Structure formats: C-alpha cells, structure tokens
Amino acid sequence: MILIDGDRYEISQKISPDFTETKNRLRPVFEQRMPIMKLRILACMAAAFIMMSSAPAFASSCPKHMKAIDAALKTTHLDKAKLAEVKHLRMEGEAMHKAGKHDESMKSLSAAEAILGIH
C-alpha cells in the first residue's frame, strides 16, 4: 500500500528492486493529478493578480475622504482647538497621499473624519 496525498493505492505485485514497475503503475495517478495542480497554480496566479490590481483602487479613495472633510468643515460647529486639529490631520493626510503613503494618509483622514462625525 502506498499513500499519495492522503489516498491509498494497492500494489498487487512485488516491487522490483529498481522500482520501474511501481513507477509505471503510479504514472496514471500522477497524470490524473496534473490538471488539478495546474488549476491550483492558475487560481493562485489569478488571486495574486487581483490583489495587485486592487491596490490602486484603495489609493484613489484618499481624495474622496479629503473632499468629504472639506465639505464637513464648511458646516461644522467645532471649537477652535478641534477645528485646528481637523485641518492639521487633513493637511497631513494630503501630504501622505502625495508621498504615496496611502495607509498613513487614511489613518490621518479617518481621525479627522471621526472628529467631524463622518463615517
């Protein structure tokens, strides 16, 4: 009995010393598994492509958040200290966005939105 990927295979004849007979008996097993391996590789490649191509979509959301903050600043009734903090966080977020540090930009912009009460 031979275990291959959790499947059991019975070999009814004795195994020859050089394993040629065993190799010939197991060849169809490996040939059947090749399409499955190719599908797994293709699926991994597709997933990697999707993840890499979605990064610019997240990067482009920074300007939307900046516009939302600007719109909320026109109608807000915050005290001067909170208003200054929001403006500082918004400017910091814009600077980080321009520098290509989108994660840090989103942290600053999210903090500003939280102060303003924007979701």
C-alpha atoms as a PDB file:
ATOM      1  CA  MET A   1       0.000   0.000   0.000  1.00  0.00           C
ATOM      2  CA  ILE A   2       1.279   3.456  -0.939  1.00  0.00           C
ATOM      3  CA  LEU A   3      -0.052   6.774   0.367  1.00  0.00           C
ATOM      4  CA  ILE A   4      -0.080   9.705  -2.079  1.00  0.00           C
ATOM      5  CA  ASP A   5      -1.744  12.946  -0.930  1.00  0.00           C
ATOM      6  CA  GLY A   6      -3.828  11.024   1.571  1.00  0.00           C
ATOM      7  CA  ASP A   7      -5.077   8.464  -0.999  1.00  0.00           C
ATOM      8  CA  ARG A   8      -4.202   4.784  -0.610  1.00  0.00           C
ATOM      9  CA  TYR A   9      -3.071   2.728  -3.581  1.00  0.00           C
ATOM     10  CA  GLU A  10      -2.693  -1.052  -3.506  1.00  0.00           C
ATOM     11  CA  ILE A  11       0.117  -2.701  -5.437  1.00  0.00           C
ATOM     12  CA  SER A  12      -0.718  -6.315  -6.008  1.00  0.00           C
ATOM     13  CA  GLN A  13       2.651  -7.479  -7.382  1.00  0.00           C
ATOM     14  CA  LYS A  14       6.004  -7.410  -5.682  1.00  0.00           C
ATOM     15  CA  ILE A  15       8.016  -4.250  -6.122  1.00  0.00           C
ATOM     16  CA  SER A  16      11.037  -4.687  -8.309  1.00  0.00           C
ATOM     17  CA  PRO A  17      14.372  -3.508  -6.897  1.00  0.00           C
ATOM     18  CA  ASP A  18      14.678  -0.620  -9.348  1.00  0.00           C
ATOM     19  CA  PHE A  19      11.034   0.481  -8.872  1.00  0.00           C
ATOM     20  CA  THR A  20      10.356   0.613 -12.655  1.00  0.00           C
ATOM     21  CA  GLU A  21       7.236  -1.477 -12.299  1.00  0.00           C
ATOM     22  CA  THR A  22       5.981   0.702  -9.457  1.00  0.00           C
ATOM     23  CA  LYS A  23       6.665   3.863 -11.420  1.00  0.00           C
ATOM     24  CA  ASN A  24       4.716   2.501 -14.379  1.00  0.00           C
ATOM     25  CA  ARG A  25       1.769   1.581 -12.154  1.00  0.00           C
ATOM     26  CA  LEU A  26       1.686   5.019 -10.491  1.00  0.00           C
ATOM     27  CA  ARG A  27       2.153   7.030 -13.701  1.00  0.00           C
ATOM     28  CA  PRO A  28      -1.639   7.262 -14.379  1.00  0.00           C
ATOM     29  CA  VAL A  29      -2.161   8.546 -10.836  1.00  0.00           C
ATOM     30  CA  PHE A  30       0.240  11.448 -11.382  1.00  0.00           C
ATOM     31  CA  GLU A  31      -1.142  12.146 -14.843  1.00  0.00           C
ATOM     32  CA  GLN A  32      -4.615  12.437 -13.318  1.00  0.00           C
ATOM     33  CA  ARG A  33      -3.366  14.871 -10.681  1.00  0.00           C
ATOM     34  CA  MET A  34      -1.558  17.187 -13.122  1.00  0.00           C
ATOM     35  CA  PRO A  35      -4.704  19.080 -14.205  1.00  0.00           C
ATOM     36  CA  ILE A  36      -5.578  19.669 -10.550  1.00  0.00           C
ATOM     37  CA  MET A  37      -2.110  21.088  -9.887  1.00  0.00           C
ATOM     38  CA  LYS A  38      -2.375  23.330 -12.938  1.00  0.00           C
ATOM     39  CA  LEU A  39      -5.742  24.609 -11.733  1.00  0.00           C
ATOM     40  CA  ARG A  40      -4.323  25.359  -8.284  1.00  0.00           C
ATOM     41  CA  ILE A  41      -1.391  27.253  -9.780  1.00  0.00           C
ATOM     42  CA  LEU A  42      -3.715  29.177 -12.088  1.00  0.00           C
ATOM     43  CA  ALA A  43      -6.006  30.049  -9.165  1.00  0.00           C
ATOM     44  CA  CYS A  44      -3.046  31.325  -7.111  1.00  0.00           C
ATOM     45  CA  MET A  45      -1.811  33.420 -10.018  1.00  0.00           C
ATOM     46  CA  ALA A  46      -5.296  34.881 -10.546  1.00  0.00           C
ATOM     47  CA  ALA A  47      -5.607  35.734  -6.849  1.00  0.00           C
ATOM     48  CA  ALA A  48      -2.208  37.449  -6.874  1.00  0.00           C
ATOM     49  CA  PHE A  49      -3.167  39.460  -9.965  1.00  0.00           C
ATOM     50  CA  ILE A  50      -6.447  40.580  -8.392  1.00  0.00           C
ATOM     51  CA  MET A  51      -4.716  41.666  -5.183  1.00  0.00           C
ATOM     52  CA  MET A  52      -2.067  43.642  -7.079  1.00  0.00           C
ATOM     53  CA  SER A  53      -4.584  45.306  -9.365  1.00  0.00           C
ATOM     54  CA  SER A  54      -6.861  46.336  -6.496  1.00  0.00           C
ATOM     55  CA  ALA A  55      -4.165  48.375  -4.710  1.00  0.00           C
ATOM     56  CA  PRO A  56      -4.670  51.483  -6.909  1.00  0.00           C
ATOM     57  CA  ALA A  57      -8.398  51.376  -6.152  1.00  0.00           C
ATOM     58  CA  PHE A  58      -7.699  51.801  -2.447  1.00  0.00           C
ATOM     59  CA  ALA A  59      -5.158  54.527  -3.141  1.00  0.00           C
ATOM     60  CA  SER A  60      -7.673  56.613  -5.046  1.00  0.00           C
ATOM     61  CA  SER A  61     -10.064  56.795  -2.085  1.00  0.00           C
ATOM     62  CA  CYS A  62      -7.905  59.383  -0.274  1.00  0.00           C
ATOM     63  CA  PRO A  63      -9.162  62.333  -2.377  1.00  0.00           C
ATOM     64  CA  LYS A  64     -12.762  61.277  -1.722  1.00  0.00           C
ATOM     65  CA  HIS A  65     -12.132  61.444   2.024  1.00  0.00           C
ATOM     66  CA  MET A  66     -10.433  64.826   1.679  1.00  0.00           C
ATOM     67  CA  LYS A  67     -13.460  66.196  -0.223  1.00  0.00           C
ATOM     68  CA  ALA A  68     -15.802  64.856   2.459  1.00  0.00           C
ATOM     69  CA  ILE A  69     -13.733  66.555   5.167  1.00  0.00           C
ATOM     70  CA  ASP A  70     -13.688  69.827   3.227  1.00  0.00           C
ATOM     71  CA  ALA A  71     -17.480  69.708   2.822  1.00  0.00           C
ATOM     72  CA  ALA A  72     -17.982  68.982   6.520  1.00  0.00           C
ATOM     73  CA  LEU A  73     -15.626  71.802   7.545  1.00  0.00           C
ATOM     74  CA  LYS A  74     -17.931  74.331   5.883  1.00  0.00           C
ATOM     75  CA  THR A  75     -20.885  73.377   8.090  1.00  0.00           C
ATOM     76  CA  THR A  76     -19.225  72.274  11.318  1.00  0.00           C
ATOM     77  CA  HIS A  77     -19.612  73.976  14.705  1.00  0.00           C
ATOM     78  CA  LEU A  78     -16.431  72.731  16.396  1.00  0.00           C
ATOM     79  CA  ASP A  79     -14.369  74.799  18.804  1.00  0.00           C
ATOM     80  CA  LYS A  80     -11.118  76.335  17.544  1.00  0.00           C
ATOM     81  CA  ALA A  81      -8.868  73.637  19.004  1.00  0.00           C
ATOM     82  CA  LYS A  82     -10.788  70.757  17.390  1.00  0.00           C
ATOM     83  CA  LEU A  83     -11.098  72.699  14.118  1.00  0.00           C
ATOM     84  CA  ALA A  84      -7.319  73.266  14.059  1.00  0.00           C
ATOM     85  CA  GLU A  85      -6.726  69.582  14.772  1.00  0.00           C
ATOM     86  CA  VAL A  86      -9.035  68.515  11.928  1.00  0.00           C
ATOM     87  CA  LYS A  87      -7.327  70.895   9.493  1.00  0.00           C
ATOM     88  CA  HIS A  88      -3.909  69.621  10.589  1.00  0.00           C
ATOM     89  CA  LEU A  89      -4.959  65.974  10.150  1.00  0.00           C
ATOM     90  CA  ARG A  90      -6.437  66.751   6.732  1.00  0.00           C
ATOM     91  CA  MET A  91      -3.240  68.507   5.561  1.00  0.00           C
ATOM     92  CA  GLU A  92      -1.159  65.637   6.953  1.00  0.00           C
ATOM     93  CA  GLY A  93      -3.344  63.120   5.117  1.00  0.00           C
ATOM     94  CA  GLU A  94      -2.983  65.022   1.850  1.00  0.00           C
ATOM     95  CA  ALA A  95       0.800  65.187   2.246  1.00  0.00           C
ATOM     96  CA  MET A  96       0.990  61.458   2.935  1.00  0.00           C
ATOM     97  CA  HIS A  97      -1.242  60.768  -0.091  1.00  0.00           C
ATOM     98  CA  LYS A  98       1.040  62.784  -2.353  1.00  0.00           C
ATOM     99  CA  ALA A  99       4.059  60.954  -0.918  1.00  0.00           C
ATOM    100  CA  GLY A 100       2.440  57.623  -1.788  1.00  0.00           C
ATOM    101  CA  LYS A 101       1.921  56.559   1.838  1.00  0.00           C
ATOM    102  CA  HIS A 102      -1.765  55.780   1.466  1.00  0.00           C
ATOM    103  CA  ASP A 103      -2.146  53.722   4.654  1.00  0.00           C
ATOM    104  CA  GLU A 104      -0.791  56.558   6.780  1.00  0.00           C
ATOM    105  CA  SER A 105      -2.899  59.026   4.809  1.00  0.00           C
ATOM    106  CA  MET A 106      -6.043  57.038   5.533  1.00  0.00           C
ATOM    107  CA  LYS A 107      -5.209  56.949   9.245  1.00  0.00           C
ATOM    108  CA  SER A 108      -4.947  60.745   9.385  1.00  0.00           C
ATOM    109  CA  LEU A 109      -8.047  61.288   7.264  1.00  0.00           C
ATOM    110  CA  SER A 110     -10.035  58.756   9.307  1.00  0.00           C
ATOM    111  CA  ALA A 111      -9.045  60.516  12.516  1.00  0.00           C
ATOM    112  CA  ALA A 112     -10.225  63.832  11.060  1.00  0.00           C
ATOM    113  CA  GLU A 113     -13.481  62.251   9.953  1.00  0.00           C
ATOM    114  CA  ALA A 114     -14.006  60.788  13.408  1.00  0.00           C
ATOM    115  CA  ILE A 115     -13.667  64.229  14.999  1.00  0.00           C
ATOM    116  CA  LEU A 116     -16.140  65.646  12.488  1.00  0.00           C
ATOM    117  CA  GLY A 117     -18.533  62.732  12.956  1.00  0.00           C
ATOM    118  CA  ILE A 118     -18.265  61.499   9.353  1.00  0.00           C
ATOM    119  CA  HIS A 119     -18.481  57.740   8.778  1.00  0.00           C
END
